[in-house]
């Protein structure tokens, strides 16, 4: 059960980033994805 919670907690932010990055191409072009990945990690 704990593994399921950990997986959800890990997948939720990743899914949000994946949905937000393509939704904002202008922002992605202005700022490289490197800081986004660092902030997520």
Protein backbone atom coordinates (compact mmCIF):
# COMPACT_ATOMS: atom_id res chain seq x y z
CA UNK A 1 0.00 0.00 0.00
CA UNK A 2 2.81 2.38 0.84
CA UNK A 3 4.45 1.74 -2.52
CA UNK A 4 1.22 2.76 -4.22
CA UNK A 5 1.14 6.05 -2.34
CA UNK A 6 4.78 6.71 -3.15
CA UNK A 7 4.18 5.96 -6.83
CA UNK A 8 1.19 8.31 -6.95
CA UNK A 9 3.12 11.06 -5.16
CA UNK A 10 5.96 10.62 -7.67
CA UNK A 11 3.80 10.38 -10.78
CA UNK A 12 1.50 13.31 -9.94
CA UNK A 13 4.19 16.05 -10.18
CA UNK A 14 5.75 14.39 -13.23
CA UNK A 15 2.37 14.20 -14.95
CA UNK A 16 1.67 17.85 -14.07
CA UNK A 17 5.02 18.90 -15.56
CA UNK A 18 4.43 16.86 -18.72
CA UNK A 19 1.02 18.49 -19.13
CA UNK A 20 2.24 22.01 -18.29
CA UNK A 21 5.38 22.01 -20.49
CA UNK A 22 3.58 21.39 -23.83
CA UNK A 23 0.70 23.64 -22.71
CA UNK A 24 3.18 26.55 -22.48
CA UNK A 25 5.55 26.32 -25.49
CA UNK A 26 6.44 30.00 -25.25
CA UNK A 27 7.54 29.63 -21.64
CA UNK A 28 9.51 26.48 -22.48
CA UNK A 29 11.27 28.36 -25.30
CA UNK A 30 12.13 31.29 -23.02
CA UNK A 31 13.38 29.11 -20.14
CA UNK A 32 15.25 25.86 -20.80
CA UNK A 33 13.85 22.63 -19.31
CA UNK A 34 16.99 22.17 -17.18
CA UNK A 35 15.77 24.36 -14.25
CA UNK A 36 12.33 22.75 -14.48
CA UNK A 37 13.86 19.29 -14.05
CA UNK A 38 16.04 20.51 -11.18
CA UNK A 39 13.03 22.07 -9.43
CA UNK A 40 11.08 18.84 -9.85
CA UNK A 41 13.91 16.72 -8.45
